[in-house]
Amino acid sequence: MMAASSSLYKHDSSRYLRAKIIITILRFLAYMKMIRNIRRDSYLPPNMVLEKIQIPSRDSHRTIEAHIYYPPGYDPSSSPPPLPVLINWHASGFILPQLGTDRAYCMRMARDAGIIVVDSDYRKGPENIFPAAVHDAVDTVRWVYSHPDRFDINSIALSGFSSGGNLALVTSAMSASSLKDVRINAVILYYPITNFTLDPASRVRQDINNRLAISLVRLIYSCYVPEMSMRKDVRASPILDDPSFFPETVVIFTCEGDNIDLEAEKLAREIDDGSRTVVLRRLKAIGHNWDKGVTKGSTYEKMRDEAYGETVEILKKLG
């Protein structure tokens, strides 16, 4: 896995090694936090099935890990009729292995919207740089589309958080180009990354909990899109894409204290041309990744329940 990235650092191998050391430490710390968050968010409602699978990749030597959440009472082994499907991608900064951190969200969507949720993994940098993660996202969508016996392929929605929101947005736009046979009905985004071309220092917002450090954002840039040509690619910075390529329904949740999703609000305004439904919610006094592992009874839990509840209602209308 290292070769794909290391070729970009052949003139500065120390840069790659420094990134690897820092990210190894961050991955350990993130893993410890992830365990805590998953424990808080891991409640599985009665009669609800969680299936762990491996999705075929375009690369014959590897697969893509995914978790499938079925609504209560749905038995996938009994050949039930296909249901609408939501494909989700987790936050990671494109560097952290975080599959499973959206468990509360995925369970809520499957349970309350009565749909199937495919929570899919993707490759991370610096071992696997752009567009590896995009390829995994596209392969996941194609796999879902190739199983009309399990999923209602006429009702496919995408969602994602932070870097996962970037992948959801990018993949939804690709349905107008390289995924022409697949129709994406909606894309739902939580604090998504939409623009890698701007200097992170130009996006500092007020000091609110969970505001990302500029040094961390720059590390993300260097690990996922180390070359400027990559950052200008619409598959990395979807804000540069043709607005007409996005689905009929676009829902974006941004955070007042976030310094990484400012352009998402600009994107919402640009694609709201009267031909599609665009919902923009700017959540007050919170920062990035605010909805993970929230404390029961807290203000964050109340805000999470409201945001997730609104998403449920949107998905019901699509079905």
Protein backbone atom coordinates (compact mmCIF):
# COMPACT_ATOMS: atom_id res chain seq x y z
CA MET A 1 0.00 0.00 0.00
CA MET A 2 2.91 2.31 0.63
CA ALA A 3 4.16 2.49 -2.95
CA ALA A 4 1.24 4.49 -4.32
CA SER A 5 1.95 7.35 -1.94
CA SER A 6 5.68 7.12 -1.53
CA SER A 7 6.20 7.87 -5.23
CA LEU A 8 4.88 11.36 -4.55
CA TYR A 9 7.47 11.81 -1.81
CA LYS A 10 10.45 10.43 -3.74
CA HIS A 11 12.17 13.81 -3.60
CA ASP A 12 11.42 14.20 0.12
CA SER A 13 11.08 10.78 1.75
CA SER A 14 11.49 12.37 5.19
CA ARG A 15 8.19 14.20 4.61
CA TYR A 16 6.41 10.89 4.19
CA LEU A 17 8.08 9.33 7.22
CA ARG A 18 7.22 12.32 9.40
CA ALA A 19 3.61 12.11 8.31
CA LYS A 20 3.53 8.37 9.03
CA ILE A 21 4.89 8.84 12.55
CA ILE A 22 2.44 11.62 13.39
CA ILE A 23 -0.50 9.73 11.91
CA THR A 24 0.39 6.52 13.75
CA ILE A 25 0.15 8.44 17.02
CA LEU A 26 -3.10 10.12 15.95
CA ARG A 27 -4.56 6.77 14.94
CA PHE A 28 -3.84 5.32 18.36
CA LEU A 29 -5.43 8.29 20.13
CA ALA A 30 -8.40 8.25 17.74
CA TYR A 31 -8.87 4.52 18.31
CA MET A 32 -9.09 5.00 22.06
CA LYS A 33 -11.66 7.75 21.61
CA MET A 34 -13.55 5.71 19.02
CA ILE A 35 -13.95 2.81 21.46
CA ARG A 36 -15.46 5.19 24.02
CA ASN A 37 -17.80 6.76 21.47
CA ILE A 38 -18.96 3.46 20.01
CA ARG A 39 -19.76 2.19 23.51
CA ARG A 40 -21.98 5.22 24.05
CA ASP A 41 -23.64 4.87 20.63
CA SER A 42 -23.73 1.08 20.28
CA TYR A 43 -27.25 0.26 21.44
CA LEU A 44 -28.90 -1.96 18.84
CA PRO A 45 -32.72 -1.88 18.93
CA PRO A 46 -34.57 -5.19 19.35
CA ASN A 47 -35.13 -7.23 16.16
CA MET A 48 -32.56 -5.14 14.29
CA VAL A 49 -29.86 -6.91 12.26
CA LEU A 50 -26.30 -5.67 11.71
CA GLU A 51 -24.36 -7.53 9.01
CA LYS A 52 -20.64 -7.10 8.39
CA ILE A 53 -19.57 -7.73 4.81
CA GLN A 54 -16.71 -7.32 2.35
CA ILE A 55 -17.56 -5.45 -0.87
CA PRO A 56 -15.58 -6.31 -4.02
CA SER A 57 -13.10 -3.65 -5.12
CA ARG A 58 -11.88 -2.79 -8.61
CA ASP A 59 -8.54 -4.07 -7.30
CA SER A 60 -8.67 -7.87 -7.36
CA HIS A 61 -6.37 -8.24 -4.33
CA ARG A 62 -8.57 -6.35 -1.86
CA THR A 63 -12.13 -5.76 -0.65
CA ILE A 64 -13.97 -2.89 1.07
CA GLU A 65 -15.32 -3.47 4.57
CA ALA A 66 -18.90 -2.37 5.22
CA HIS A 67 -21.63 -2.70 7.84
CA ILE A 68 -25.24 -3.16 6.73
CA TYR A 69 -28.04 -2.06 9.06
CA TYR A 70 -31.50 -3.50 8.45
CA PRO A 71 -34.69 -2.07 9.97
CA PRO A 72 -36.26 -3.96 12.91
CA GLY A 73 -37.99 -7.15 11.84
CA TYR A 74 -36.23 -7.30 8.46
CA ASP A 75 -34.75 -10.74 7.81
CA PRO A 76 -32.25 -10.59 4.92
CA SER A 77 -32.12 -14.40 4.75
CA SER A 78 -35.83 -14.71 3.87
CA SER A 79 -35.59 -12.94 0.47
CA PRO A 80 -37.76 -9.96 1.45
CA PRO A 81 -38.65 -7.29 -1.12
CA PRO A 82 -35.90 -4.71 -1.75
CA LEU A 83 -35.94 -1.55 0.32
CA PRO A 84 -34.64 1.99 -0.30
CA VAL A 85 -30.96 2.26 0.64
CA LEU A 86 -28.74 4.88 2.21
CA ILE A 87 -24.97 4.57 1.64
CA ASN A 88 -22.92 6.34 4.30
CA TRP A 89 -19.23 7.23 4.74
CA HIS A 90 -17.71 8.12 8.11
CA ALA A 91 -15.44 11.00 9.10
CA SER A 92 -11.70 10.32 9.18
CA GLY A 93 -9.76 13.33 7.96
CA PHE A 94 -8.87 10.87 5.18
CA ILE A 95 -6.27 9.44 7.59
CA LEU A 96 -8.04 7.73 10.52
CA PRO A 97 -9.72 4.28 10.48
CA GLN A 98 -13.13 5.16 11.91
CA LEU A 99 -15.64 2.70 10.45
CA GLY A 100 -18.36 2.21 13.06
CA THR A 101 -18.32 5.71 14.53
CA ASP A 102 -21.60 6.52 12.73
CA ARG A 103 -23.40 3.61 14.37
CA ALA A 104 -25.96 5.78 16.19
CA TYR A 105 -26.76 7.58 12.93
CA CYS A 106 -27.01 4.40 10.85
CA MET A 107 -29.23 2.64 13.40
CA ARG A 108 -31.50 5.68 13.62
CA MET A 109 -31.90 5.89 9.84
CA ALA A 110 -32.61 2.16 9.44
CA ARG A 111 -34.99 2.02 12.40
CA ASP A 112 -36.99 5.22 11.91
CA ALA A 113 -36.90 5.61 8.11
CA GLY A 114 -37.43 1.88 7.49
CA ILE A 115 -34.56 1.63 5.04
CA ILE A 116 -31.33 -0.34 4.61
CA VAL A 117 -28.14 1.51 5.51
CA VAL A 118 -24.76 0.52 4.07
CA ASP A 119 -21.99 2.09 6.17
CA SER A 120 -18.88 1.70 4.04
CA ASP A 121 -15.16 2.05 4.66
CA TYR A 122 -12.58 3.58 2.31
CA ARG A 123 -8.81 3.77 2.02
CA LYS A 124 -6.86 6.39 3.95
CA GLY A 125 -3.72 8.46 3.39
CA PRO A 126 -0.84 8.79 3.34
CA GLU A 127 -0.63 5.12 2.36
CA ASN A 128 -3.42 5.60 -0.19
CA ILE A 129 -3.75 9.10 -1.60
CA PHE A 130 -6.46 10.64 -3.79
CA PRO A 131 -8.34 9.24 -5.64
CA ALA A 132 -8.17 5.89 -3.80
CA ALA A 133 -10.97 6.82 -1.40
CA VAL A 134 -13.14 8.03 -4.29
CA HIS A 135 -12.60 4.74 -6.11
CA ASP A 136 -13.77 2.85 -3.03
CA ALA A 137 -16.86 5.03 -2.73
CA VAL A 138 -17.74 4.51 -6.39
CA ASP A 139 -17.16 0.76 -6.10
CA THR A 140 -19.53 0.65 -3.12
CA VAL A 141 -22.27 2.45 -5.05
CA ARG A 142 -21.80 0.15 -8.03
CA TRP A 143 -22.01 -2.90 -5.77
CA VAL A 144 -25.29 -1.69 -4.27
CA TYR A 145 -26.66 -0.97 -7.75
CA SER A 146 -25.72 -4.48 -8.89
CA HIS A 147 -28.02 -6.03 -6.27
CA PRO A 148 -31.59 -4.99 -7.15
CA ASP A 149 -32.79 -8.10 -5.35
CA ARG A 150 -31.60 -6.61 -2.02
CA PHE A 151 -31.84 -2.85 -2.59
CA ASP A 152 -34.37 -0.62 -4.32
CA ILE A 153 -32.00 0.82 -6.90
CA ASN A 154 -34.56 3.47 -7.80
CA SER A 155 -34.24 4.91 -4.30
CA ILE A 156 -30.56 5.41 -3.47
CA ALA A 157 -29.39 8.19 -1.16
CA LEU A 158 -25.85 9.00 -0.03
CA SER A 159 -24.65 10.55 3.21
CA GLY A 160 -21.41 11.30 4.97
CA PHE A 161 -19.64 13.16 7.75
CA SER A 162 -16.65 15.48 7.16
CA SER A 163 -14.34 13.57 4.78
CA GLY A 164 -17.17 11.07 4.34
CA GLY A 165 -19.38 14.00 3.36
CA ASN A 166 -16.81 14.91 0.75
CA LEU A 167 -17.01 11.39 -0.69
CA ALA A 168 -20.81 11.40 -0.65
CA LEU A 169 -20.95 14.75 -2.45
CA VAL A 170 -18.29 13.79 -4.98
CA THR A 171 -19.92 10.43 -5.71
CA SER A 172 -23.36 11.98 -6.08
CA ALA A 173 -22.03 14.37 -8.72
CA MET A 174 -20.33 11.48 -10.54
CA SER A 175 -23.78 9.99 -11.19
CA ALA A 176 -23.92 12.59 -13.97
CA SER A 177 -20.64 11.35 -15.50
CA SER A 178 -18.87 8.06 -14.72
CA LEU A 179 -21.86 6.66 -12.81
CA LYS A 180 -24.40 7.53 -15.49
CA ASP A 181 -26.37 4.32 -15.06
CA VAL A 182 -26.91 5.04 -11.35
CA ARG A 183 -29.46 7.60 -10.21
CA ILE A 184 -28.77 9.17 -6.83
CA ASN A 185 -31.93 10.63 -5.34
CA ALA A 186 -30.35 12.64 -2.54
CA VAL A 187 -27.13 13.47 -0.74
CA ILE A 188 -27.09 14.32 2.97
CA LEU A 189 -23.97 15.95 4.38
CA TYR A 190 -22.77 16.70 7.89
CA TYR A 191 -19.94 19.27 8.13
CA PRO A 192 -18.47 18.17 4.77
CA ILE A 193 -15.09 19.07 3.30
CA THR A 194 -15.82 20.69 -0.05
CA ASN A 195 -12.70 22.66 -1.03
CA PHE A 196 -9.04 21.66 -0.76
CA THR A 197 -7.76 24.62 -2.77
CA LEU A 198 -7.93 27.17 0.06
CA ASP A 199 -5.26 27.72 2.69
CA PRO A 200 -6.60 26.36 6.01
CA ALA A 201 -5.34 29.52 7.75
CA SER A 202 -7.88 31.56 5.78
CA ARG A 203 -10.79 29.71 7.40
CA VAL A 204 -10.35 30.34 11.11
CA ARG A 205 -13.68 30.81 12.87
CA GLN A 206 -14.58 31.77 16.41
CA ASP A 207 -13.14 29.75 19.27
CA ILE A 208 -15.71 27.02 19.88
CA ASN A 209 -15.12 23.46 21.07
CA ASN A 210 -13.97 21.03 18.36
CA ARG A 211 -12.50 23.73 16.11
CA LEU A 212 -9.85 21.89 14.12
CA ALA A 213 -6.24 23.01 14.48
CA ILE A 214 -4.76 24.51 11.32
CA SER A 215 -1.77 22.18 11.64
CA LEU A 216 -4.10 19.17 11.63
CA VAL A 217 -5.98 20.42 8.57
CA ARG A 218 -2.69 20.95 6.72
CA LEU A 219 -1.64 17.42 7.66
CA ILE A 220 -4.88 16.11 6.18
CA TYR A 221 -4.21 18.02 2.98
CA SER A 222 -0.66 16.72 2.67
CA CYS A 223 -1.71 13.10 3.27
CA TYR A 224 -4.76 12.96 1.00
CA VAL A 225 -4.03 15.50 -1.75
CA PRO A 226 -0.27 16.20 -1.55
CA GLU A 227 -0.13 17.87 -4.98
CA MET A 228 -1.97 21.05 -5.96
CA SER A 229 -3.24 19.45 -9.17
CA MET A 230 -5.12 16.94 -7.02
CA ARG A 231 -6.71 19.68 -4.92
CA LYS A 232 -8.15 21.32 -8.04
CA ASP A 233 -9.74 18.07 -9.22
CA VAL A 234 -13.53 18.19 -8.79
CA ARG A 235 -13.38 14.70 -7.27
CA ALA A 236 -11.43 16.23 -4.38
CA SER A 237 -12.99 19.71 -4.28
CA PRO A 238 -16.62 19.25 -5.35
CA ILE A 239 -17.34 22.95 -4.91
CA LEU A 240 -15.55 23.36 -8.26
CA ASP A 241 -17.90 20.95 -10.04
CA ASP A 242 -20.82 21.84 -12.28
CA PRO A 243 -23.78 22.61 -9.96
CA SER A 244 -26.15 20.82 -12.33
CA PHE A 245 -24.42 17.49 -11.58
CA PHE A 246 -25.70 17.26 -8.00
CA PRO A 247 -28.88 15.31 -7.07
CA GLU A 248 -32.40 16.65 -6.87
CA THR A 249 -32.20 16.77 -3.07
CA VAL A 250 -29.16 18.14 -1.23
CA VAL A 251 -29.14 18.47 2.55
CA ILE A 252 -26.19 20.11 4.35
CA PHE A 253 -25.62 20.53 8.09
CA THR A 254 -22.81 22.98 8.90
CA CYS A 255 -21.45 24.16 12.25
CA GLU A 256 -21.04 27.72 13.45
CA GLY A 257 -17.72 26.90 15.10
CA ASP A 258 -16.27 24.81 12.29
CA ASN A 259 -13.30 26.08 10.29
CA ILE A 260 -13.39 23.39 7.62
CA ASP A 261 -16.90 23.46 6.16
CA LEU A 262 -17.39 27.17 5.41
CA GLU A 263 -17.54 26.53 1.67
CA ALA A 264 -20.37 24.03 2.14
CA GLU A 265 -22.70 26.96 2.81
CA LYS A 266 -21.47 28.64 -0.36
CA LEU A 267 -22.01 25.42 -2.29
CA ALA A 268 -25.58 25.17 -1.00
CA ARG A 269 -26.34 28.65 -2.29
CA GLU A 270 -24.75 27.95 -5.68
CA ILE A 271 -26.68 24.76 -6.37
CA ASP A 272 -30.00 26.15 -5.15
CA ASP A 273 -31.12 27.16 -8.62
CA GLY A 274 -34.81 26.40 -8.19
CA SER A 275 -34.59 23.03 -9.92
CA ARG A 276 -33.79 21.00 -6.80
CA THR A 277 -34.53 20.87 -3.10
CA VAL A 278 -31.66 22.32 -1.06
CA VAL A 279 -31.78 22.26 2.74
CA LEU A 280 -29.06 24.13 4.64
CA ARG A 281 -28.90 23.98 8.42
CA ARG A 282 -26.24 25.97 10.26
CA LEU A 283 -26.02 24.63 13.80
CA LYS A 284 -25.17 27.21 16.45
CA ALA A 285 -22.32 27.19 18.98
CA ILE A 286 -20.86 23.81 18.02
CA GLY A 287 -17.83 22.63 16.11
CA HIS A 288 -16.59 19.79 13.96
CA ASN A 289 -17.55 16.17 14.76
CA TRP A 290 -19.90 17.37 17.49
CA ASP A 291 -22.40 14.50 17.23
CA LYS A 292 -20.16 11.53 18.10
CA GLY A 293 -20.27 9.88 21.52
CA VAL A 294 -22.48 12.58 23.02
CA THR A 295 -23.35 12.45 26.71
CA LYS A 296 -26.88 11.32 27.47
CA GLY A 297 -29.09 14.24 28.43
CA SER A 298 -26.65 16.84 27.07
CA THR A 299 -27.38 19.72 24.73
CA TYR A 300 -25.35 17.91 22.09
CA GLU A 301 -27.62 14.88 22.36
CA LYS A 302 -30.68 17.07 21.88
CA MET A 303 -29.15 18.75 18.81
CA ARG A 304 -28.08 15.39 17.41
CA ASP A 305 -31.56 13.94 17.85
CA GLU A 306 -33.10 16.92 16.10
CA ALA A 307 -30.65 16.82 13.17
CA TYR A 308 -30.93 13.06 12.76
CA GLY A 309 -34.71 13.32 13.07
CA GLU A 310 -34.85 15.84 10.24
CA THR A 311 -32.73 13.50 8.13
CA VAL A 312 -35.15 10.66 8.83
CA GLU A 313 -38.09 12.73 7.59
CA ILE A 314 -36.24 13.65 4.41
CA LEU A 315 -35.41 10.00 3.72
CA LYS A 316 -39.04 8.96 4.29
CA LYS A 317 -40.16 11.40 1.61
CA LEU A 318 -37.65 9.97 -0.85
CA GLY A 319 -38.85 6.41 -0.29
